[in-house]
Protein backbone atom coordinates (compact mmCIF):
# COMPACT_ATOMS: atom_id res chain seq x y z
CA MET A 1 130.42 78.87 106.10
CA ARG A 2 133.75 79.02 107.82
CA ASP A 3 134.33 77.77 111.28
CA SER A 4 133.23 80.13 114.06
CA ARG A 5 136.88 80.79 114.85
CA GLY A 6 137.48 82.15 111.37
CA GLU A 7 137.87 85.85 110.80
CA ASP A 8 135.01 86.14 108.32
CA ALA A 9 132.20 84.46 110.22
CA LEU A 10 129.86 87.31 109.33
CA LEU A 11 130.74 87.19 105.64
CA PRO A 12 127.87 84.79 104.78
CA THR A 13 125.54 87.26 106.47
CA ARG A 14 126.59 90.04 104.12
CA GLN A 15 126.66 87.84 101.03
CA LEU A 16 123.18 86.41 101.59
CA TYR A 17 121.76 89.76 102.55
CA VAL A 18 123.25 91.84 99.76
CA GLY A 19 123.18 89.58 96.79
CA GLY A 20 119.82 87.94 97.09
CA VAL A 21 121.45 84.76 95.73
CA THR A 22 119.81 81.79 97.33
CA THR A 23 121.54 78.70 98.53
CA ASN A 24 120.35 75.16 98.04
CA VAL A 25 119.83 74.51 101.73
CA HIS A 26 116.08 75.10 101.59
CA HIS A 27 113.62 73.38 99.34
CA TRP A 28 111.81 75.54 96.80
CA GLY A 29 108.56 74.65 98.56
CA ALA A 30 109.70 76.31 101.79
CA SER A 31 110.33 79.59 100.00
CA MET A 32 106.91 79.48 98.35
CA ARG A 33 105.20 78.55 101.61
CA TRP A 34 106.69 81.51 103.47
CA LEU A 35 105.86 83.79 100.55
CA VAL A 36 102.21 82.73 100.76
CA PHE A 37 102.26 83.28 104.54
CA ALA A 38 103.56 86.83 104.08
CA VAL A 39 101.06 87.64 101.32
CA ALA A 40 98.14 86.27 103.37
CA LEU A 41 99.08 88.40 106.37
CA TRP A 42 99.59 91.52 104.22
CA VAL A 43 96.25 91.12 102.39
CA GLY A 44 94.47 90.40 105.67
CA THR A 45 95.95 93.56 107.18
CA TRP A 46 94.64 95.60 104.24
CA MET A 47 91.18 94.11 104.64
CA GLY A 48 91.19 94.94 108.34
CA GLU A 49 90.65 98.62 107.55
CA TRP A 50 87.05 97.82 106.62
CA CYS A 51 86.40 95.40 109.49
CA VAL A 52 85.52 97.65 112.42
CA ARG A 53 84.36 94.80 114.65
CA CYS A 54 87.79 93.13 114.48
CA ALA A 55 89.55 96.03 116.21
CA HIS A 56 89.48 94.52 119.69
CA LEU A 57 90.21 90.91 118.69
CA ARG A 58 93.92 91.26 118.04
CA LEU A 59 95.06 89.56 121.26
CA LEU A 60 92.66 86.70 120.62
CA GLY A 61 94.07 86.41 117.11
CA PHE A 62 97.63 86.07 118.42
CA VAL A 63 96.53 83.39 120.89
CA LEU A 64 94.86 81.48 118.07
CA LEU A 65 97.94 81.85 115.90
CA GLY A 66 100.18 80.53 118.68
CA CYS A 67 98.02 77.42 119.03
CA VAL A 68 97.99 76.85 115.27
CA VAL A 69 101.80 77.21 115.05
CA VAL A 70 102.24 74.52 117.73
CA LEU A 71 99.82 72.22 115.91
CA TYR A 72 101.49 72.95 112.58
CA ARG A 73 104.94 72.10 113.89
CA ASN A 74 103.54 68.80 115.11
CA ARG A 75 101.93 68.24 111.69
CA VAL A 76 98.41 68.25 113.08
CA VAL A 77 97.15 71.04 110.81
CA SER A 78 98.06 71.92 107.24
CA SER A 79 99.66 75.01 105.73
CA ALA A 80 96.25 76.07 104.44
CA VAL A 81 95.03 76.48 108.03
CA CYS A 82 98.07 78.65 108.82
CA VAL A 83 97.34 80.83 105.78
CA LEU A 84 93.74 81.32 106.92
CA VAL A 85 94.74 82.16 110.49
CA LEU A 86 97.43 84.60 109.30
CA PHE A 87 94.81 86.32 107.15
CA LEU A 88 92.50 86.65 110.17
CA VAL A 89 95.31 87.89 112.43
CA GLY A 90 96.23 90.44 109.77
CA ALA A 91 92.60 91.61 109.66
CA THR A 92 92.55 92.14 113.44
CA GLY A 93 95.85 94.03 113.28
CA GLY A 94 94.76 96.28 110.42
CA SER A 95 91.46 96.98 112.13
CA SER A 96 93.10 97.82 115.45
CA VAL A 97 95.47 100.44 114.01
CA TRP A 98 92.70 102.17 112.05
CA HIS A 99 89.84 102.02 114.54
CA THR A 100 91.49 102.37 117.95
CA GLY A 101 93.71 105.06 119.45
CA GLY A 102 92.75 107.72 116.92
CA LEU A 103 90.58 109.91 119.15
CA VAL A 104 92.03 113.28 120.14
CA ALA A 105 90.87 115.37 123.10
CA GLU A 106 90.45 118.74 121.40
CA GLY A 107 91.29 121.94 123.21
CA GLU A 108 94.16 123.24 125.31
CA CYS A 109 96.97 120.76 125.91
CA ARG A 110 100.36 120.97 127.54
CA GLY A 111 103.13 118.69 128.79
CA VAL A 112 106.47 117.17 127.83
CA ALA A 113 106.52 116.28 124.14
CA THR A 114 109.05 114.11 122.32
CA VAL A 115 110.20 114.97 118.79
CA ARG A 116 109.33 112.12 116.40
CA ALA A 117 110.41 113.69 113.08
CA ASP A 118 113.44 115.85 112.47
CA PRO A 119 112.25 119.48 112.09
CA THR A 120 112.24 121.00 108.62
CA LEU A 121 111.79 124.61 107.50
CA ARG A 122 108.49 125.01 105.67
CA PHE A 123 106.33 128.04 104.86
CA ASN A 124 108.61 130.26 106.97
CA GLY A 125 107.97 128.00 109.95
CA THR A 126 109.24 124.77 111.49
CA SER A 127 107.41 121.54 110.63
CA THR A 128 107.78 118.42 112.76
CA VAL A 129 105.87 115.69 114.59
CA LEU A 130 105.56 115.72 118.39
CA GLU A 131 104.37 112.92 120.62
CA LEU A 132 102.36 114.26 123.55
CA HIS A 133 100.52 111.99 126.01
CA HIS A 134 101.24 108.95 123.80
CA LYS A 135 99.65 110.53 120.71
CA ARG A 136 101.44 112.02 117.72
CA TYR A 137 100.61 115.47 116.39
CA LYS A 138 101.74 117.31 113.28
CA VAL A 139 103.17 120.73 114.16
CA LEU A 140 103.90 123.85 112.12
CA ALA A 141 105.40 126.41 114.52
CA TYR A 142 106.41 130.02 113.91
CA GLY A 143 108.37 132.65 115.77
CA SER A 144 110.34 131.76 118.90
CA ALA A 145 108.49 128.44 119.27
CA GLY A 146 109.50 127.42 115.76
CA GLY A 147 113.07 128.60 116.30
CA ARG A 148 113.47 126.47 119.42
CA LEU A 149 111.93 123.42 117.75
CA ALA A 150 114.25 123.81 114.75
CA GLN A 151 117.23 123.10 117.01
CA ARG A 152 115.89 119.77 118.25
CA LEU A 153 116.25 116.29 116.74
CA VAL A 154 114.29 113.05 116.98
CA GLY A 155 114.13 111.61 120.50
CA GLU A 156 114.73 114.90 122.30
CA SER A 157 111.94 116.26 124.53
CA VAL A 158 110.67 119.76 125.27
CA ARG A 159 107.83 121.18 127.35
CA VAL A 160 105.09 122.61 125.16
CA SER A 161 101.68 124.18 125.42
CA GLY A 162 99.12 124.81 122.72
CA GLU A 163 95.83 123.68 121.23
CA CYS A 164 95.19 120.14 120.03
CA THR A 165 92.76 119.45 117.17
CA ARG A 166 91.79 116.53 115.00
CA ASN A 167 93.72 115.91 111.80
CA ASP A 168 91.12 116.46 109.08
CA GLY A 169 93.35 117.91 106.35
CA PRO A 170 93.90 116.56 102.83
CA PHE A 171 96.87 114.49 104.02
CA ALA A 172 95.07 113.03 107.05
CA ARG A 173 95.23 109.48 105.70
CA PHE A 174 98.94 109.73 104.91
CA ASP A 175 99.56 111.14 108.38
CA ARG A 176 97.57 108.33 109.99
CA ILE A 177 99.73 105.75 108.22
CA ASN A 178 102.65 107.45 109.98
CA HIS A 179 100.77 107.25 113.30
CA VAL A 180 99.91 110.96 113.37
CA VAL A 181 96.38 111.44 114.77
CA GLY A 182 96.05 115.20 115.26
CA ARG A 183 97.47 118.68 114.89
CA LEU A 184 99.04 120.83 117.57
CA LYS A 185 99.08 124.62 117.34
CA LEU A 186 101.88 125.68 119.67
CA THR A 187 101.86 128.76 121.83
CA SER A 188 105.11 128.09 123.70
CA VAL A 189 108.14 125.80 123.66
CA SER A 190 110.59 125.59 126.54
CA GLU A 191 114.21 126.58 126.09
CA THR A 192 115.32 123.60 128.19
CA TYR A 193 115.14 120.13 126.72
CA SER A 194 115.98 116.50 127.40
CA GLU A 195 118.41 114.67 125.11
CA GLY A 196 116.68 111.32 125.50
CA SER A 197 118.20 107.87 125.95
CA LYS A 198 121.87 107.02 125.43
CA PHE A 199 121.11 105.54 122.02
CA VAL A 200 119.27 108.70 120.98
CA ARG A 201 122.02 110.98 122.30
CA THR A 202 124.70 108.99 120.48
CA ALA A 203 122.77 108.99 117.20
CA ASN A 204 121.95 112.70 117.33
CA ARG A 205 125.49 113.70 118.21
CA MET A 206 126.75 111.63 115.32
CA ARG A 207 124.27 113.28 112.92
CA ARG A 208 125.43 116.71 114.05
CA SER A 209 129.07 115.65 113.74
CA LEU A 210 128.41 114.28 110.25
CA LEU A 211 127.05 117.63 109.09
CA ARG A 212 129.89 119.51 110.77
CA GLY A 213 132.44 117.29 109.03
CA VAL A 214 131.26 118.38 105.55
CA GLN A 215 130.15 121.93 106.35
CA SER A 216 132.42 123.38 103.62
CA MET A 217 130.48 121.46 101.00
CA PRO A 218 127.91 123.47 98.98
CA ARG A 219 124.49 123.28 100.60
CA GLY A 220 122.82 121.36 97.79
CA GLN A 221 125.59 118.75 97.64
CA GLN A 222 125.64 118.52 101.43
CA ALA A 223 121.92 117.71 101.39
CA LEU A 224 122.55 114.97 98.81
CA PHE A 225 125.49 113.62 100.84
CA THR A 226 123.39 113.24 104.00
CA GLY A 227 120.68 111.61 101.89
CA LEU A 228 123.12 109.04 100.52
CA VAL A 229 124.72 108.25 103.88
CA ILE A 230 121.85 108.37 106.40
CA GLY A 231 118.75 108.97 104.26
CA ASP A 232 118.26 112.54 105.53
CA ASP A 233 116.73 114.35 102.53
CA ARG A 234 115.08 117.19 104.49
CA ASP A 235 117.23 119.90 102.91
CA GLN A 236 117.04 118.60 99.35
CA SER A 237 115.29 120.97 96.98
CA GLN A 238 112.12 119.96 95.19
CA ALA A 239 114.03 120.12 91.91
CA MET A 240 116.58 117.60 93.20
CA LEU A 241 113.86 115.27 94.42
CA GLN A 242 112.15 115.42 91.01
CA ARG A 243 115.46 114.77 89.20
CA PHE A 244 116.21 111.67 91.21
CA ARG A 245 112.67 110.38 90.78
CA ALA A 246 112.71 110.99 86.99
CA SER A 247 116.07 109.24 86.63
CA GLY A 248 115.10 106.24 88.78
CA LEU A 249 117.74 107.07 91.41
CA SER A 250 115.50 108.16 94.27
CA HIS A 251 116.18 104.87 96.06
CA LEU A 252 119.76 106.03 96.68
CA CYS A 253 118.50 108.61 99.20
CA ALA A 254 116.28 106.08 100.97
CA VAL A 255 118.41 104.12 103.42
CA SER A 256 117.87 100.40 102.91
CA GLY A 257 119.69 97.13 102.44
CA GLN A 258 122.59 98.64 100.53
CA ASN A 259 123.43 100.99 103.41
CA VAL A 260 123.09 98.21 105.98
CA ALA A 261 125.36 95.97 103.92
CA TYR A 262 128.02 98.68 103.64
CA LEU A 263 127.71 99.30 107.38
CA LEU A 264 128.46 95.64 108.09
CA ILE A 265 131.39 95.75 105.68
CA VAL A 266 132.88 98.78 107.45
CA ALA A 267 132.35 97.16 110.85
CA SER A 268 133.73 93.73 109.89
CA PRO A 269 137.40 94.53 110.69
CA LEU A 270 136.37 95.45 114.25
CA LEU A 271 134.64 92.09 114.67
CA LYS A 272 137.53 89.91 113.57
CA ARG A 273 138.81 87.29 115.99
CA ARG A 274 135.75 87.66 118.22
CA SER A 275 133.58 84.82 119.45
CA ARG A 276 130.34 84.04 117.64
CA TRP A 277 128.25 85.46 120.49
CA MET A 278 130.34 88.62 120.67
CA LYS A 279 129.95 89.14 116.92
CA TRP A 280 126.22 88.57 117.12
CA CYS A 281 125.74 90.98 120.03
CA ALA A 282 127.88 93.63 118.35
CA THR A 283 126.00 93.20 115.07
CA MET A 284 122.59 93.52 116.72
CA LEU A 285 123.66 96.61 118.67
CA LEU A 286 125.09 98.12 115.50
CA LEU A 287 121.86 97.49 113.62
CA LEU A 288 119.77 98.94 116.46
CA TRP A 289 121.97 102.02 116.56
CA PHE A 290 121.68 102.40 112.78
CA VAL A 291 117.89 102.23 112.98
CA VAL A 292 117.92 105.07 115.52
CA LEU A 293 120.45 107.04 113.45
CA THR A 294 118.33 106.77 110.29
CA ARG A 295 115.03 107.39 112.11
CA GLY A 296 113.53 103.95 111.65
CA GLU A 297 112.21 104.49 108.14
CA PRO A 298 110.21 101.50 106.79
CA SER A 299 113.00 100.52 104.38
CA VAL A 300 115.53 100.68 107.22
CA LEU A 301 113.35 98.48 109.43
CA ARG A 302 113.02 95.90 106.67
CA ALA A 303 116.74 95.94 105.89
CA SER A 304 117.93 95.85 109.50
CA PHE A 305 115.44 93.14 110.46
CA MET A 306 116.62 90.95 107.59
CA ALA A 307 120.26 91.53 108.50
CA GLY A 308 119.52 90.68 112.13
CA MET A 309 117.75 87.47 111.13
CA VAL A 310 120.62 86.38 108.90
CA ALA A 311 123.13 87.20 111.66
CA THR A 312 121.07 85.06 114.04
CA ASN A 313 121.02 82.21 111.53
CA SER A 314 124.79 82.54 111.27
CA LEU A 315 125.08 82.40 115.06
CA MET A 316 122.93 79.28 115.26
CA ARG A 317 124.69 77.79 112.22
CA THR A 318 121.33 77.48 110.52
CA PRO A 319 121.43 77.89 106.72
CA ALA A 320 119.61 81.02 105.56
CA ASN A 321 117.74 81.62 102.33
CA ALA A 322 117.22 85.24 101.25
CA ARG A 323 113.69 84.53 100.03
CA ILE A 324 112.61 82.93 103.29
CA VAL A 325 114.34 85.62 105.36
CA LEU A 326 112.50 88.35 103.44
CA SER A 327 109.12 86.68 103.94
CA ARG A 328 109.76 86.13 107.64
CA ALA A 329 110.86 89.75 108.03
CA VAL A 330 107.64 90.95 106.40
CA VAL A 331 105.55 88.74 108.69
CA ALA A 332 107.37 89.89 111.83
CA LEU A 333 107.24 93.60 110.93
CA LEU A 334 103.54 93.47 110.06
CA PHE A 335 102.92 91.87 113.45
CA ILE A 336 104.82 94.71 115.14
CA ASP A 337 103.37 97.57 113.08
CA PRO A 338 100.41 96.72 110.83
CA MET A 339 100.46 100.26 109.39
CA LEU A 340 103.50 99.21 107.34
CA ALA A 341 101.04 97.41 105.05
CA TRP A 342 99.99 100.84 103.71
CA SER A 343 103.50 102.33 103.53
CA VAL A 344 104.69 102.98 99.97
CA GLY A 345 108.31 103.05 101.16
CA PHE A 346 107.92 99.64 102.80
CA ALA A 347 106.24 98.20 99.70
CA LEU A 348 108.99 99.52 97.40
CA SER A 349 111.68 98.18 99.72
CA VAL A 350 110.09 94.74 99.91
CA GLY A 351 109.46 94.73 96.15
CA ALA A 352 113.06 95.62 95.30
CA THR A 353 114.42 92.99 97.69
CA ALA A 354 112.01 90.39 96.33
CA GLY A 355 113.22 91.17 92.81
CA LEU A 356 116.82 90.70 93.91
CA ALA A 357 116.06 87.50 95.82
CA TRP A 358 113.85 85.87 93.21
CA ALA A 359 115.04 87.21 89.86
CA SER A 360 118.59 88.61 89.97
CA ALA A 361 120.36 85.25 89.67
CA GLY A 362 118.16 84.15 86.76
CA ILE A 363 118.54 87.46 84.94
CA GLY A 364 122.29 87.35 85.51
CA LYS A 365 122.48 83.91 83.92
CA MET A 366 120.33 84.97 80.98
CA MET A 367 122.43 88.07 80.36
CA GLY A 368 125.73 86.35 81.04
CA SER A 369 126.45 88.85 83.80
CA ARG A 370 125.76 89.22 87.51
CA GLY A 371 126.68 92.90 87.69
CA VAL A 372 124.80 96.05 88.55
CA LEU A 373 122.66 95.92 85.38
CA ALA A 374 121.18 92.53 86.28
CA SER A 375 120.52 93.66 89.85
CA THR A 376 118.97 96.91 88.62
CA LEU A 377 116.63 95.09 86.26
CA ALA A 378 115.64 92.61 88.98
CA ALA A 379 114.90 95.41 91.43
CA GLN A 380 112.91 97.27 88.78
CA ILE A 381 110.80 94.17 88.17
CA GLY A 382 110.08 93.97 91.88
CA THR A 383 109.12 97.63 92.25
CA ALA A 384 107.41 98.16 88.89
CA PRO A 385 103.84 97.33 90.04
CA ILE A 386 104.06 99.74 93.00
CA SER A 387 105.76 102.47 90.95
CA LEU A 388 103.14 102.23 88.21
CA LEU A 389 100.30 102.32 90.73
CA VAL A 390 101.66 105.22 92.80
CA PHE A 391 103.82 107.30 90.44
CA GLY A 392 102.32 106.35 87.09
CA TYR A 393 105.48 105.18 85.30
CA VAL A 394 108.87 103.46 85.63
CA PRO A 395 111.70 105.40 83.93
CA VAL A 396 113.59 103.19 81.48
CA VAL A 397 116.60 105.51 81.77
CA SER A 398 117.19 104.00 85.22
CA LEU A 399 118.73 100.97 83.47
CA VAL A 400 121.59 103.25 82.45
CA ALA A 401 121.58 105.70 85.36
CA ASN A 402 121.82 103.06 88.09
CA PRO A 403 124.96 101.29 86.80
CA LEU A 404 126.60 104.71 86.49
CA ALA A 405 125.54 106.00 89.91
CA ILE A 406 125.30 102.99 92.23
CA PRO A 407 129.04 102.10 92.44
CA VAL A 408 129.97 105.71 93.22
CA ALA A 409 127.05 106.16 95.63
CA GLY A 410 128.07 102.93 97.33
CA TRP A 411 131.57 104.29 97.79
CA VAL A 412 130.12 107.46 99.37
CA MET A 413 127.94 105.35 101.67
CA THR A 414 130.90 103.26 102.78
CA VAL A 415 133.55 105.95 103.15
CA GLY A 416 131.48 109.05 103.80
CA LEU A 417 130.33 108.38 107.36
CA PRO A 418 133.71 107.51 108.97
CA VAL A 419 135.63 110.16 107.00
CA ALA A 420 133.15 112.92 107.84
CA LEU A 421 133.24 111.96 111.52
CA ILE A 422 137.05 112.09 111.53
CA SER A 423 137.06 115.55 109.95
CA SER A 424 134.50 116.70 112.52
CA ALA A 425 136.90 115.67 115.28
CA ILE A 426 139.82 117.40 113.48
CA PRO A 427 138.41 120.73 112.18
CA ALA A 428 141.52 121.42 110.09
CA LEU A 429 140.49 118.54 107.82
CA ILE A 430 136.98 119.85 107.12
CA PRO A 431 137.81 121.80 103.91
CA PHE A 432 139.83 118.92 102.45
CA VAL A 433 137.27 116.24 103.39
CA SER A 434 134.42 118.37 102.05
CA TRP A 435 136.23 118.67 98.71
CA PHE A 436 137.21 114.98 98.77
CA LEU A 437 133.61 113.83 99.27
CA LEU A 438 132.17 116.50 96.97
CA ILE A 439 133.62 114.84 93.85
CA PRO A 440 131.73 111.50 94.07
CA THR A 441 128.60 113.21 95.44
CA ALA A 442 128.59 115.64 92.52
CA TRP A 443 129.02 112.70 90.12
CA VAL A 444 125.82 111.09 91.42
CA ASP A 445 124.04 114.44 91.13
CA ASP A 446 125.33 114.95 87.58
CA VAL A 447 124.09 111.49 86.57
CA SER A 448 120.64 112.43 87.88
CA HIS A 449 120.80 115.73 85.93
CA VAL A 450 121.63 114.08 82.60
CA ALA A 451 119.37 111.05 83.10
CA SER A 452 116.35 113.15 84.09
CA ALA A 453 116.94 115.47 81.13
CA VAL A 454 116.92 112.62 78.59
CA SER A 455 114.35 110.46 80.39
CA PRO A 456 111.52 109.70 77.93
CA ARG A 457 107.92 110.21 78.94
CA GLY A 458 104.61 108.71 77.92
CA TRP A 459 104.52 106.08 75.23
CA TRP A 460 108.21 106.60 74.37
CA ASN A 461 109.09 105.21 77.79
CA GLY A 462 106.98 102.14 77.08
CA VAL A 463 108.56 101.63 73.64
CA LEU A 464 112.07 101.75 75.08
CA TRP A 465 111.09 99.27 77.79
CA LEU A 466 109.91 96.98 74.98
CA PHE A 467 113.29 97.34 73.28
CA ALA A 468 114.99 96.52 76.59
CA VAL A 469 112.94 93.33 76.93
CA VAL A 470 113.73 92.32 73.34
CA PHE A 471 117.43 92.95 73.99
CA LEU A 472 117.28 90.79 77.12
CA LEU A 473 115.63 87.96 75.19
CA HIS A 474 118.24 88.28 72.44
CA ARG A 475 121.06 88.07 75.01
CA THR A 476 119.38 85.07 76.57
CA LYS A 477 119.14 83.27 73.24
CA LYS A 478 122.73 84.16 72.36
CA ASN A 479 124.06 82.89 75.68
CA GLY A 480 122.02 79.72 75.30
CA ARG A 481 123.64 79.01 71.93
CA ARG A 482 127.08 79.69 73.39
CA HIS A 483 126.51 77.24 76.24
CA THR A 484 125.20 74.66 73.79
CA ALA A 485 128.32 75.05 71.62
CA VAL A 486 130.58 74.69 74.65
CA ALA A 487 128.72 71.59 75.83
CA GLY A 488 128.95 70.11 72.33
């Protein structure tokens, strides 16, 4: 790392965070120990769903954990004791989120409600999530009530009245994972509204400006553009969502580490020649603002938390290891919100990052390359178990589609936000900027079209994965012979 007076003091933060390449500053045992800690907490949190009696023991669990951490740091207890306590704390956390706070007072309800999910048009109505009296309700509003809700964004508040009921539908479990406990049938929504905190106002105004800056872009491409830049895929058609899933490119529209890394790259010139504390404060504020802008999706929380931890390590001049940072981020986030243990998006994000942190360097060496293909394969290894369990298959065509789409999508992520905001401030530029950004956005869409069309299904997909593994082993053997010849 350079001296704190250097211009690129945050560069190690980006390199460690993006590449997943570990340094030699931590022993292998430390990485494995933190990995076991994270797994123990995650498994314990899962088990907590079936432990009703643990629901009210969460505070006691944290007290016990604090005592064990002090003893562990003084080498009084072993790592095995920490693993056991983390499992128990996870069980209390998982039990508390499933068995407390889920009761809904059915009947008429009214008050000031805060929007917790950006409204979308569905079934000729407006679908969103409102938080009323500290409980979240799923809403599908029609008529004037739906029209007024459609104009609001996350964090804004309106006065509502309606009827609250329990959430007993087919998606009740999925809703509960997202902290939704009931349904609200609206009868009225006020025309007046509150814009929320300064952070919320800034984020929402920027989202509106972003859309205004590319308003000349065709609607379908505009929906893809907002998905690439800020993860807003509300307006994407079902056909587009299926294409990106079949081609293995759906991760591009889920804001995660790649977007956070590009954000830090864009912001780095503004942080040059600043003190270490100034850079750290600016980085943390930037990450917090980005979380609000992208609606705090699980992948965003994981990515931003990791970036914040690495920035803090850089501030304290403490060497950081991507594997340890990932495990610590998982532990911290499961403490904050145990429901993340059941989030598919969080699991995919952690799996992809784990693949990059643990396998990308090794795969790069075996293949004689550290490019996008090695990173893609490493991420696929990390997400494969979750994808197989949830979606049923992992498209082999993603090995080709990702190297073709990721560099262009990364360019859109880096350039798109500032350029669209500039055109929003200068309306005369909107047609030109829309055309300028349409070209790379359409390229990503075209890659998804072709890749999804040729993507094999069933046993053909498995056969081609087998060929890919054989090719990787062949490249590994070939590179090994080359290195042996050079050494000789």
